[in-house]
Each structure stands twice: as C-alpha cells, then as structure tokens.
N, C-alpha and C. Protein backbone atom coordinates (compact mmCIF):
# COMPACT_ATOMS: atom_id res chain seq x y z
N LYS A 1 -46.34 -28.43 -27.65
CA LYS A 1 -45.69 -29.25 -27.84
C LYS A 1 -44.03 -29.01 -27.37
N PRO A 2 -43.29 -29.60 -26.91
CA PRO A 2 -41.53 -29.75 -26.69
C PRO A 2 -40.95 -28.52 -28.00
N ASP A 3 -40.31 -27.62 -27.71
CA ASP A 3 -39.93 -26.80 -28.81
C ASP A 3 -38.17 -26.84 -28.39
N PRO A 4 -37.13 -27.68 -29.21
CA PRO A 4 -35.57 -27.57 -28.91
C PRO A 4 -35.13 -26.14 -28.56
N ARG A 5 -35.82 -25.22 -29.40
CA ARG A 5 -35.22 -23.85 -29.54
C ARG A 5 -35.67 -23.26 -28.30
N LEU A 6 -36.89 -23.42 -27.86
CA LEU A 6 -37.36 -22.71 -26.77
C LEU A 6 -36.68 -23.55 -25.12
N THR A 7 -36.35 -24.99 -25.05
CA THR A 7 -35.56 -25.39 -24.29
C THR A 7 -34.06 -25.05 -24.61
N THR A 8 -33.44 -24.22 -25.67
CA THR A 8 -32.07 -24.06 -25.25
C THR A 8 -32.41 -22.49 -24.44
N ILE A 9 -33.26 -21.74 -24.82
CA ILE A 9 -32.99 -20.18 -23.97
C ILE A 9 -33.70 -20.67 -22.47
N ALA A 10 -34.51 -21.49 -22.64
CA ALA A 10 -34.59 -21.94 -21.02
C ALA A 10 -33.73 -22.43 -20.50
N LYS A 11 -32.78 -23.24 -21.15
CA LYS A 11 -31.43 -23.86 -20.21
C LYS A 11 -30.59 -22.51 -19.98
N SER A 12 -30.53 -21.34 -21.10
CA SER A 12 -29.76 -20.29 -20.78
C SER A 12 -30.33 -19.80 -19.72
N GLN A 13 -31.60 -19.33 -19.33
CA GLN A 13 -32.08 -18.73 -17.96
C GLN A 13 -31.73 -19.74 -16.99
N ALA A 14 -31.77 -20.56 -16.85
CA ALA A 14 -31.80 -21.65 -15.88
C ALA A 14 -30.37 -22.00 -15.28
N ASP A 15 -29.23 -21.78 -16.65
CA ASP A 15 -27.53 -21.84 -16.21
C ASP A 15 -27.29 -20.39 -15.64
N ALA A 16 -28.14 -19.51 -16.26
CA ALA A 16 -27.88 -18.05 -15.66
C ALA A 16 -27.79 -17.94 -14.16
N MET A 17 -29.16 -18.43 -13.68
CA MET A 17 -29.61 -18.17 -12.37
C MET A 17 -28.43 -18.93 -11.52
N ALA A 18 -28.64 -20.14 -12.14
CA ALA A 18 -27.37 -21.40 -11.20
C ALA A 18 -26.41 -20.46 -11.04
N ALA A 19 -25.76 -20.08 -12.11
CA ALA A 19 -24.39 -19.39 -11.72
C ALA A 19 -24.44 -18.19 -11.02
N ALA A 20 -25.13 -17.52 -10.89
CA ALA A 20 -25.64 -16.38 -9.77
C ALA A 20 -25.96 -16.62 -8.79
N GLY A 21 -26.79 -17.77 -8.42
CA GLY A 21 -27.22 -18.51 -7.03
C GLY A 21 -28.53 -17.88 -6.78
N THR A 22 -28.92 -17.11 -8.04
CA THR A 22 -30.26 -16.60 -7.66
C THR A 22 -31.02 -16.26 -9.05
N VAL A 23 -32.69 -16.63 -8.55
CA VAL A 23 -33.44 -16.40 -9.57
C VAL A 23 -33.67 -14.66 -10.02
N LYS A 24 -32.90 -13.77 -9.23
CA LYS A 24 -32.80 -12.35 -9.80
C LYS A 24 -31.64 -12.12 -10.99
N ALA A 25 -31.34 -13.16 -11.29
CA ALA A 25 -30.47 -13.16 -12.51
C ALA A 25 -31.18 -12.93 -14.16
N SER A 26 -32.23 -13.60 -13.65
CA SER A 26 -33.27 -13.53 -14.80
C SER A 26 -33.58 -12.00 -15.07
N LEU A 27 -33.45 -11.02 -14.53
CA LEU A 27 -33.83 -9.91 -14.38
C LEU A 27 -32.60 -9.19 -15.22
N ALA A 28 -31.11 -9.86 -15.45
CA ALA A 28 -30.32 -8.84 -16.24
C ALA A 28 -30.85 -9.20 -17.55
N PRO A 29 -30.57 -7.77 -18.51
CA PRO A 29 -31.03 -7.50 -19.61
C PRO A 29 -30.76 -8.42 -20.46
N SER A 30 -29.82 -9.35 -20.58
CA SER A 30 -29.25 -10.39 -21.70
C SER A 30 -30.26 -11.66 -21.28
N GLN A 31 -30.98 -11.64 -20.03
CA GLN A 31 -31.55 -12.76 -19.95
C GLN A 31 -33.12 -12.53 -20.19
N GLN A 32 -33.33 -11.34 -20.53
CA GLN A 32 -34.86 -10.88 -20.49
C GLN A 32 -35.29 -11.92 -21.80
N LEU A 33 -36.49 -12.24 -21.48
CA LEU A 33 -37.05 -12.97 -22.13
C LEU A 33 -37.03 -12.58 -23.94
N ALA A 34 -37.40 -11.45 -24.08
CA ALA A 34 -37.70 -10.83 -25.35
C ALA A 34 -36.20 -10.99 -26.22
N ALA A 35 -35.08 -10.87 -25.51
CA ALA A 35 -33.89 -10.56 -25.95
C ALA A 35 -33.37 -11.91 -26.05
N ARG A 36 -33.70 -13.04 -25.81
CA ARG A 36 -33.44 -14.52 -25.82
C ARG A 36 -34.48 -15.08 -26.76
N MET A 37 -35.73 -14.72 -26.95
CA MET A 37 -36.57 -15.08 -28.20
C MET A 37 -35.76 -14.36 -29.78
N ALA A 38 -35.35 -12.86 -29.54
CA ALA A 38 -34.72 -12.55 -30.57
C ALA A 38 -33.33 -13.47 -30.95
N SER A 39 -32.84 -13.72 -29.97
CA SER A 39 -31.66 -14.61 -30.11
C SER A 39 -31.75 -15.92 -31.08
N ILE A 40 -33.26 -16.36 -31.02
CA ILE A 40 -33.77 -17.71 -32.08
C ILE A 40 -34.18 -17.24 -33.22
N GLY A 41 -34.25 -16.15 -33.10
CA GLY A 41 -34.97 -15.35 -34.55
C GLY A 41 -36.45 -15.23 -34.45
N GLU A 42 -36.95 -15.20 -33.30
CA GLU A 42 -38.55 -15.03 -32.88
C GLU A 42 -38.52 -13.66 -32.32
N PRO A 43 -38.36 -12.48 -32.58
CA PRO A 43 -38.33 -11.31 -31.92
C PRO A 43 -39.88 -10.74 -31.37
N LYS A 44 -40.92 -11.35 -32.60
CA LYS A 44 -42.16 -11.10 -32.58
C LYS A 44 -43.25 -12.31 -31.94
N THR A 45 -42.86 -13.46 -31.54
CA THR A 45 -43.51 -14.09 -31.09
C THR A 45 -44.17 -14.07 -29.75
N ALA A 46 -45.24 -14.09 -29.50
CA ALA A 46 -45.83 -13.75 -28.34
C ALA A 46 -45.04 -15.24 -26.99
N ALA A 47 -44.70 -14.57 -26.17
CA ALA A 47 -44.48 -15.64 -24.71
C ALA A 47 -43.84 -15.42 -23.81
N ALA A 48 -44.04 -16.20 -22.96
CA ALA A 48 -43.96 -16.02 -21.74
C ALA A 48 -43.24 -16.81 -20.79
N GLU A 49 -42.49 -16.90 -19.52
CA GLU A 49 -41.70 -17.88 -19.23
C GLU A 49 -41.98 -17.65 -17.21
N ASN A 50 -41.80 -18.66 -16.77
CA ASN A 50 -41.63 -19.04 -15.34
C ASN A 50 -40.66 -19.17 -15.35
N VAL A 51 -39.70 -19.13 -14.05
CA VAL A 51 -38.62 -18.77 -13.50
C VAL A 51 -38.29 -19.71 -12.08
N SER A 52 -37.95 -20.43 -11.33
CA SER A 52 -37.92 -20.51 -9.77
C SER A 52 -36.59 -21.13 -9.30
N ALA A 53 -36.87 -21.51 -8.23
CA ALA A 53 -35.50 -21.98 -7.48
C ALA A 53 -35.83 -22.92 -6.39
N GLY A 54 -35.31 -23.80 -5.96
CA GLY A 54 -35.40 -25.00 -4.63
C GLY A 54 -36.28 -25.86 -4.87
N TYR A 55 -36.80 -26.01 -5.96
CA TYR A 55 -38.12 -26.89 -5.97
C TYR A 55 -37.00 -28.24 -6.51
N ARG A 56 -37.24 -29.36 -6.34
CA ARG A 56 -36.20 -30.32 -6.31
C ARG A 56 -36.62 -31.55 -7.65
N THR A 57 -37.79 -31.14 -7.71
CA THR A 57 -38.26 -32.03 -9.04
C THR A 57 -39.18 -31.48 -9.92
N PHE A 58 -39.64 -31.74 -10.85
CA PHE A 58 -40.43 -31.34 -12.05
C PHE A 58 -41.98 -31.07 -11.38
N ALA A 59 -42.11 -32.03 -10.58
CA ALA A 59 -43.99 -32.06 -10.05
C ALA A 59 -43.82 -30.97 -8.70
N GLU A 60 -42.65 -30.89 -8.22
CA GLU A 60 -42.94 -29.52 -7.07
C GLU A 60 -42.70 -28.29 -7.74
N ALA A 61 -42.02 -28.14 -8.94
CA ALA A 61 -42.17 -26.91 -9.81
C ALA A 61 -43.22 -26.35 -10.18
N PHE A 62 -43.66 -27.26 -10.89
CA PHE A 62 -45.31 -27.25 -11.46
C PHE A 62 -46.25 -27.06 -10.60
N SER A 63 -46.36 -27.76 -9.37
CA SER A 63 -47.14 -27.31 -8.26
C SER A 63 -46.96 -26.21 -8.00
N GLY A 64 -45.58 -25.60 -7.64
CA GLY A 64 -45.42 -24.37 -6.84
C GLY A 64 -45.70 -23.26 -8.19
N TRP A 65 -45.87 -23.38 -9.26
CA TRP A 65 -46.22 -22.40 -10.57
C TRP A 65 -47.86 -22.25 -10.49
N ARG A 66 -48.46 -23.60 -10.33
CA ARG A 66 -50.05 -23.49 -10.45
C ARG A 66 -50.43 -22.78 -8.90
N GLU A 67 -49.81 -23.12 -7.92
CA GLU A 67 -50.21 -22.18 -6.71
C GLU A 67 -50.21 -20.97 -6.62
N SER A 68 -49.32 -20.43 -7.50
CA SER A 68 -48.89 -19.00 -7.72
C SER A 68 -49.69 -18.38 -8.83
N PRO A 69 -50.92 -17.04 -8.34
CA PRO A 69 -51.73 -16.77 -9.52
C PRO A 69 -50.82 -16.23 -10.61
N LYS A 70 -49.71 -15.56 -9.97
CA LYS A 70 -48.88 -15.16 -11.23
C LYS A 70 -48.57 -16.07 -12.25
N HIS A 71 -47.61 -16.90 -11.66
CA HIS A 71 -47.00 -18.12 -12.38
C HIS A 71 -48.10 -19.12 -13.26
N ASN A 72 -49.15 -18.87 -12.47
CA ASN A 72 -50.34 -20.21 -13.06
C ASN A 72 -51.11 -19.48 -14.28
N GLN A 73 -50.94 -17.93 -14.20
CA GLN A 73 -51.13 -17.36 -15.45
C GLN A 73 -50.67 -18.00 -16.66
N VAL A 74 -49.03 -17.91 -16.55
CA VAL A 74 -48.18 -18.03 -17.60
C VAL A 74 -48.59 -19.47 -18.03
N LEU A 75 -49.15 -20.49 -17.06
CA LEU A 75 -49.30 -21.92 -17.49
C LEU A 75 -50.40 -21.91 -18.37
N LEU A 76 -51.33 -21.10 -18.08
CA LEU A 76 -52.57 -20.94 -18.70
C LEU A 76 -52.64 -20.16 -19.66
N THR A 77 -51.74 -19.67 -20.49
CA THR A 77 -51.23 -18.92 -21.73
C THR A 77 -51.86 -19.38 -22.71
N GLY A 78 -53.02 -18.84 -23.42
CA GLY A 78 -53.95 -19.25 -24.23
C GLY A 78 -53.50 -19.69 -25.67
N ASP A 79 -52.04 -18.65 -26.13
CA ASP A 79 -52.11 -18.51 -27.29
C ASP A 79 -50.63 -19.74 -27.33
N ALA A 80 -50.18 -19.91 -26.36
CA ALA A 80 -49.19 -20.89 -26.34
C ALA A 80 -49.27 -22.48 -27.06
N THR A 81 -48.38 -22.50 -27.80
CA THR A 81 -48.14 -24.10 -28.53
C THR A 81 -46.74 -24.74 -28.35
N ARG A 82 -46.16 -24.34 -27.75
CA ARG A 82 -44.98 -24.75 -27.45
C ARG A 82 -44.47 -24.63 -26.04
N LEU A 83 -43.51 -25.13 -25.70
CA LEU A 83 -42.71 -25.05 -24.55
C LEU A 83 -41.37 -25.55 -24.36
N GLY A 84 -40.53 -24.98 -24.02
CA GLY A 84 -39.18 -25.47 -23.34
C GLY A 84 -39.18 -25.45 -21.70
N ILE A 85 -38.61 -26.23 -21.45
CA ILE A 85 -38.02 -26.45 -19.90
C ILE A 85 -36.54 -26.76 -19.65
N ALA A 86 -36.45 -26.38 -18.88
CA ALA A 86 -34.86 -26.45 -18.12
C ALA A 86 -34.83 -26.37 -17.05
N THR A 87 -33.80 -26.89 -16.21
CA THR A 87 -33.29 -27.03 -15.17
C THR A 87 -31.91 -26.87 -14.93
N THR A 88 -31.06 -26.75 -13.97
CA THR A 88 -29.65 -26.29 -13.65
C THR A 88 -29.60 -26.61 -12.05
N TYR A 89 -28.63 -27.46 -11.59
CA TYR A 89 -28.19 -27.63 -10.26
C TYR A 89 -26.97 -26.91 -9.91
N ALA A 90 -26.88 -26.47 -8.99
CA ALA A 90 -25.85 -25.55 -8.43
C ALA A 90 -25.51 -25.99 -6.87
N SER A 91 -24.44 -26.91 -6.73
CA SER A 91 -24.30 -27.32 -5.57
C SER A 91 -23.80 -26.27 -4.41
N ASN A 92 -23.47 -25.08 -4.96
CA ASN A 92 -22.90 -23.80 -4.04
C ASN A 92 -24.19 -23.16 -3.84
N ALA A 93 -25.26 -23.17 -4.47
CA ALA A 93 -26.39 -21.96 -4.18
C ALA A 93 -27.12 -22.45 -3.21
N LYS A 94 -27.66 -21.68 -2.74
CA LYS A 94 -29.11 -21.67 -1.45
C LYS A 94 -29.89 -22.68 -1.78
N HIS A 95 -30.70 -22.33 -3.35
CA HIS A 95 -31.52 -23.45 -3.22
C HIS A 95 -31.35 -23.94 -4.05
N LYS A 96 -30.12 -24.44 -4.83
CA LYS A 96 -29.47 -25.81 -5.43
C LYS A 96 -30.02 -25.99 -6.98
N VAL A 97 -31.36 -25.74 -6.73
CA VAL A 97 -31.73 -26.19 -8.35
C VAL A 97 -32.73 -24.82 -8.93
N PHE A 98 -32.74 -24.84 -10.24
CA PHE A 98 -33.02 -23.49 -10.80
C PHE A 98 -33.93 -24.46 -11.96
N TRP A 99 -34.75 -23.45 -12.06
CA TRP A 99 -36.06 -23.94 -13.12
C TRP A 99 -36.27 -22.64 -14.11
N SER A 100 -36.40 -22.95 -15.53
CA SER A 100 -36.97 -22.01 -16.37
C SER A 100 -37.93 -22.91 -17.45
N LEU A 101 -39.11 -22.27 -17.90
CA LEU A 101 -39.95 -22.50 -18.46
C LEU A 101 -40.44 -21.55 -19.48
N VAL A 102 -40.29 -21.65 -20.53
CA VAL A 102 -40.60 -20.90 -22.09
C VAL A 102 -41.82 -21.42 -22.60
N MET A 103 -43.02 -20.34 -22.61
CA MET A 103 -44.10 -20.87 -23.51
C MET A 103 -44.35 -19.82 -24.45
N ALA A 104 -44.49 -20.51 -25.73
CA ALA A 104 -44.81 -19.29 -26.77
C ALA A 104 -45.54 -20.03 -27.87
N GLY A 105 -46.32 -18.66 -28.57
CA GLY A 105 -47.33 -19.22 -29.53
C GLY A 105 -46.27 -19.87 -30.89
N PRO A 106 -47.30 -20.07 -31.99
CA PRO A 106 -46.51 -20.84 -33.15
C PRO A 106 -45.40 -19.85 -33.74
N ALA A 107 -44.46 -20.96 -34.09
CA ALA A 107 -43.08 -20.13 -34.77
C ALA A 107 -43.64 -19.61 -36.10
N PRO A 108 -42.92 -18.56 -36.21
CA PRO A 108 -43.31 -17.96 -37.64
C PRO A 108 -42.92 -18.93 -38.67
N THR A 109 -43.94 -18.64 -39.91
CA THR A 109 -43.72 -19.50 -41.05
C THR A 109 -42.61 -18.82 -41.49
N ALA A 110 -42.12 -19.97 -42.72
CA ALA A 110 -40.69 -19.31 -43.18
C ALA A 110 -41.37 -17.71 -44.11
N ALA A 111 -42.52 -17.80 -44.52
CA ALA A 111 -42.91 -16.50 -45.52
C ALA A 111 -43.18 -15.37 -44.30
N SER A 112 -43.54 -15.44 -43.19
CA SER A 112 -43.62 -14.29 -42.09
C SER A 112 -42.45 -14.05 -41.78
N ALA A 113 -41.15 -15.00 -41.22
CA ALA A 113 -39.82 -14.77 -41.38
C ALA A 113 -39.48 -13.94 -42.58
N GLN A 114 -39.64 -14.31 -43.46
CA GLN A 114 -38.82 -13.35 -44.57
C GLN A 114 -39.83 -11.92 -44.70
N ALA A 115 -40.56 -11.90 -44.11
CA ALA A 115 -41.21 -10.59 -44.05
C ALA A 115 -40.62 -9.59 -43.12
N LEU A 116 -40.39 -10.56 -41.82
CA LEU A 116 -39.74 -9.67 -40.80
C LEU A 116 -38.22 -9.10 -41.14
N THR A 117 -37.54 -9.74 -42.39
CA THR A 117 -36.25 -9.70 -42.57
C THR A 117 -36.29 -8.22 -43.56
N PRO A 118 -34.96 -7.61 -42.68
CA PRO A 118 -35.25 -6.14 -43.66
C PRO A 118 -34.26 -6.25 -45.02
N ALA A 119 -35.18 -5.63 -46.03
CA ALA A 119 -34.38 -5.50 -47.22
C ALA A 119 -32.83 -5.28 -47.39
N ARG A 120 -31.97 -5.55 -48.01
CA ARG A 120 -30.64 -5.34 -48.04
C ARG A 120 -30.61 -4.48 -48.89
C-alpha cells in the first residue's frame, strides 16, 4: 500500500538525482536507502529501491524496471507491504525525468519501536 513516509524519502532521492542531473547522485552517503530509512525512524525495516532516469511516464519507468533483472528483483520483493514513489523533472538535465521507488516491509509497531529506542 502507498506510504507517505516512503514517498517522502523517494522524493528526496528523485530530487537529489535531478539536482545533480544524474542517477549517480543516489550513491551519495546521505542518499543511501539505509540513511533515508533511518531518517524516518525505521533503521531496521527491510527495504529496497529502484532509481532511474529518462522515462517520461510511470508506465515507461515500470516497464524498464520490469525488463531489468536487478530492478525486477526489487519489484518482486516478497516481504514488501508498502511503497513510496516519486519523480522529479529537471529541465537542464540530459535525462530530464528522475524516478525513485522505495519498497519496504511492515512498519514497526509502537512496541517494537520502543524496543529500538535506547534507554536514557
């Protein structure tokens, strides 16, 4: 199901790639999926991500991911129950349109989130 917090971190990724004009921006330490998952309070949640550039529509991006074995593996992530997807347009970039799809397992419950919080 769509998750607004995952959409927020997908948008962060799409924006970073668009600002840099390349999908290689997704490799920056601050843009690593683990860092972005931690930023929403889910450092231990299983998650996977696809990024791409140049596809003008969601249908094109999805087809491109489906045709790529590594990207398709993310689409078929068995424990994913939530997703966030975002796109950003950059008129000055070669590929113009940048996509990020984040898929993740169930969100931690309040009890499990408390268990992850260090004692003070």
